[in-house]
Protein backbone atom coordinates (compact mmCIF):
# COMPACT_ATOMS: atom_id res chain seq x y z
CA UNK A 1 108.13 134.14 105.66
CA UNK A 2 110.85 136.96 105.05
CA UNK A 3 112.95 137.40 102.62
CA UNK A 4 115.79 137.51 104.69
CA UNK A 5 114.06 133.61 106.08
CA UNK A 6 114.14 132.41 102.73
CA UNK A 7 118.03 132.93 102.18
CA UNK A 8 118.82 132.25 104.94
CA UNK A 9 117.05 128.13 103.86
CA UNK A 10 118.59 128.66 100.46
CA UNK A 11 121.82 128.85 101.85
CA UNK A 12 121.52 125.54 104.30
CA UNK A 13 124.10 123.26 102.37
CA UNK A 14 122.08 119.94 101.25
CA UNK A 15 121.11 117.46 103.63
CA UNK A 16 123.38 114.30 103.68
CA UNK A 17 122.27 110.70 102.09
CA UNK A 18 120.69 109.05 104.97
CA UNK A 19 123.55 106.76 106.57
CA UNK A 20 123.67 102.60 105.31
CA UNK A 21 121.90 100.77 108.73
CA UNK A 22 124.56 97.81 109.40
CA UNK A 23 123.24 94.63 107.73
CA UNK A 24 123.33 91.09 109.08
CA UNK A 25 123.19 87.35 107.82
CA UNK A 26 122.80 83.95 109.75
CA UNK A 27 123.53 81.14 108.42
CA UNK A 28 120.72 79.47 110.36
CA UNK A 29 118.02 81.75 111.29
CA UNK A 30 117.72 82.27 114.60
CA UNK A 31 113.99 80.68 115.37
CA UNK A 32 116.08 77.54 114.79
CA UNK A 33 116.56 77.76 118.63
CA UNK A 34 112.99 76.17 119.11
CA UNK A 35 114.42 73.35 117.59
CA UNK A 36 117.89 73.00 119.84
CA UNK A 37 115.03 73.41 123.08
CA UNK A 38 113.69 70.36 121.72
CA UNK A 39 116.83 69.43 121.73
CA UNK A 40 117.46 69.95 125.12
CA UNK A 41 114.55 68.24 126.03
CA UNK A 42 114.61 65.53 124.82
CA UNK A 43 118.08 64.67 126.45
CA UNK A 44 117.14 65.68 129.27
CA UNK A 45 116.14 61.88 130.85
CA UNK A 46 119.47 60.93 129.81
CA UNK A 47 121.07 64.00 131.17
CA UNK A 48 119.11 63.40 134.03
CA UNK A 49 120.33 59.92 134.64
CA UNK A 50 123.31 61.94 137.35
CA UNK A 51 127.17 60.99 136.68
CA UNK A 52 128.75 62.14 133.97
CA UNK A 53 125.65 61.61 131.74
CA UNK A 54 124.58 65.65 132.58
CA UNK A 55 127.30 66.59 130.00
CA UNK A 56 124.40 65.56 127.90
CA UNK A 57 123.15 69.32 128.07
CA UNK A 58 126.46 70.42 126.34
CA UNK A 59 125.23 69.51 123.80
CA UNK A 60 122.23 71.94 122.17
CA UNK A 61 124.10 74.02 124.31
CA UNK A 62 126.94 74.30 121.84
CA UNK A 63 123.79 74.08 119.21
CA UNK A 64 122.70 77.31 120.56
CA UNK A 65 125.91 79.16 120.96
CA UNK A 66 126.48 78.44 117.19
CA UNK A 67 123.48 79.44 116.12
CA UNK A 68 123.87 82.54 117.97
CA UNK A 69 127.25 83.63 117.62
CA UNK A 70 128.22 82.46 114.26
CA UNK A 71 127.16 85.79 111.03
CA UNK A 72 128.21 88.00 108.86
CA UNK A 73 127.65 91.98 109.97
CA UNK A 74 127.99 94.29 106.69
CA UNK A 75 128.21 97.89 107.48
CA UNK A 76 129.85 100.70 106.12
CA UNK A 77 133.25 100.55 107.59
CA UNK A 78 133.60 96.32 106.56
CA UNK A 79 132.37 93.54 106.88
CA UNK A 80 132.83 91.04 109.75
CA UNK A 81 132.78 86.95 109.78
CA UNK A 82 131.92 85.63 113.21
CA UNK A 83 132.29 82.25 113.64
CA UNK A 84 131.68 79.95 117.01
CA UNK A 85 135.48 80.86 117.88
CA UNK A 86 136.61 83.45 116.72
CA UNK A 87 135.41 86.56 113.77
CA UNK A 88 137.69 88.09 111.21
CA UNK A 89 137.11 91.50 110.00
CA UNK A 90 137.70 93.02 106.03
CA UNK A 91 137.96 96.43 106.29
CA UNK A 92 136.70 98.05 102.83
CA UNK A 93 140.03 98.88 101.41
CA UNK A 94 141.13 95.16 101.82
CA UNK A 95 138.17 94.13 99.20
CA UNK A 96 139.02 93.23 95.88
CA UNK A 97 135.96 91.80 95.01
CA UNK A 98 133.64 89.69 95.70
CA UNK A 99 132.80 85.77 94.57
CA UNK A 100 129.20 84.16 94.14
CA UNK A 101 129.55 80.38 94.39
CA UNK A 102 126.57 78.89 92.51
CA UNK A 103 126.28 76.26 95.83
CA UNK A 104 127.18 78.04 99.27
CA UNK A 105 128.43 81.57 100.91
CA UNK A 106 129.30 84.27 98.81
CA UNK A 107 132.93 84.58 99.36
CA UNK A 108 134.79 87.67 99.57
CA UNK A 109 138.24 88.11 97.87
CA UNK A 110 141.11 90.35 99.55
CA UNK A 111 143.95 91.65 96.99
CA UNK A 112 145.83 89.61 97.93
CA UNK A 113 143.40 86.30 96.53
CA UNK A 114 142.95 85.26 100.11
CA UNK A 115 139.29 84.55 100.39
CA UNK A 116 136.91 84.63 103.01
CA UNK A 117 133.28 82.95 103.13
CA UNK A 118 130.66 85.42 104.12
CA UNK A 119 128.44 83.08 106.44
CA UNK A 120 125.48 83.18 105.51
CA UNK A 121 126.07 85.51 102.55
CA UNK A 122 123.81 84.11 98.97
CA UNK A 123 123.84 85.39 96.42
CA UNK A 124 120.67 86.84 96.39
CA UNK A 125 121.10 88.91 99.07
CA UNK A 126 124.62 91.24 97.36
CA UNK A 127 121.66 93.84 97.26
CA UNK A 128 121.52 94.22 100.57
CA UNK A 129 124.52 93.97 100.80
CA UNK A 130 125.44 96.86 97.94
CA UNK A 131 123.31 98.49 100.50
CA UNK A 132 124.36 98.01 104.02
CA UNK A 133 127.64 98.98 102.19
CA UNK A 134 126.96 102.53 101.67
CA UNK A 135 127.97 102.47 98.19
CA UNK A 136 131.36 101.17 98.19
CA UNK A 137 129.63 98.06 96.26
CA UNK A 138 127.11 98.91 93.62
CA UNK A 139 125.19 96.24 91.77
CA UNK A 140 124.02 96.46 88.56
CA UNK A 141 121.15 98.30 86.57
CA UNK A 142 118.31 96.56 85.05
CA UNK A 143 119.47 98.06 82.05
CA UNK A 144 122.93 97.18 82.56
CA UNK A 145 121.81 92.79 83.55
CA UNK A 146 119.54 92.89 80.50
CA UNK A 147 122.56 94.57 78.54
CA UNK A 148 125.02 91.24 79.74
CA UNK A 149 122.15 89.02 78.68
CA UNK A 150 121.63 90.54 75.27
CA UNK A 151 125.81 89.34 74.88
CA UNK A 152 125.78 86.22 76.60
CA UNK A 153 122.79 85.85 73.93
CA UNK A 154 125.04 86.81 70.47
CA UNK A 155 128.27 85.08 71.89
CA UNK A 156 126.37 82.15 72.00
CA UNK A 157 124.21 82.12 68.80
CA UNK A 158 128.33 83.91 66.86
CA UNK A 159 129.13 79.80 68.98
CA UNK A 160 126.10 78.52 67.00
CA UNK A 161 127.70 79.74 63.38
CA UNK A 162 131.25 78.87 63.98
CA UNK A 163 130.28 75.05 64.62
CA UNK A 164 128.16 75.40 61.47
CA UNK A 165 130.75 76.83 59.69
CA UNK A 166 133.30 74.15 61.05
CA UNK A 167 131.07 71.11 60.57
CA UNK A 168 130.12 71.98 57.36
CA UNK A 169 134.24 72.16 56.30
CA UNK A 170 134.97 68.75 57.40
CA UNK A 171 131.94 67.72 55.37
CA UNK A 172 133.79 69.63 52.41
CA UNK A 173 136.25 67.82 53.32
CA UNK A 174 134.92 64.65 53.88
CA UNK A 175 134.06 64.61 50.29
CA UNK A 176 137.00 65.96 48.50
CA UNK A 177 139.11 62.79 50.33
CA UNK A 178 136.47 60.78 48.69
CA UNK A 179 137.04 62.16 45.27
CA UNK A 180 133.32 63.57 45.15
CA UNK A 181 132.55 67.56 44.28
CA UNK A 182 130.72 68.51 46.40
CA UNK A 183 127.57 69.21 43.78
CA UNK A 184 127.48 65.47 43.27
CA UNK A 185 127.29 65.08 47.14
CA UNK A 186 124.37 67.02 47.18
CA UNK A 187 122.11 65.10 44.32
CA UNK A 188 123.07 62.12 46.14
CA UNK A 189 121.48 63.00 48.87
CA UNK A 190 118.03 64.43 47.42
């Protein structure tokens, strides 16, 4: 390698980070289409009776449509929630926060406090959302998670100390009302 080649390669700009890949979340995984096929086979004896019974095939067709269509797609530009009959797009610029619901799908909260349920997205999927968002959403580091847990433990310990102090104060006030001194009450208990 000559000195010119070395200078040229050193002067080249650094490579940009790899583009984040979109992430798709589904309410029901696609293998559920096998169950839809079983439903279609199950209704076929009735549907082939003729006449309006043929409309029974609309049931598995509607189920298949729902399984295939409903999803949430996250990419570097936006969140897109696709339902059976329509879709909604939420650019990252309009997103205020993500609200994690204990039992249910994560909700995207807009700046005007309007919420949008992200179909198929659970709390366990937040890491994939952060990765697919291209850095627009960050996940806490393990150190930050541990610091938050430690803070929570300290808060709980403080609450317990306060409860004990209040209980001791209430006992002391009760003893004073009954005319006992704190030392006399301790001697009676012993």
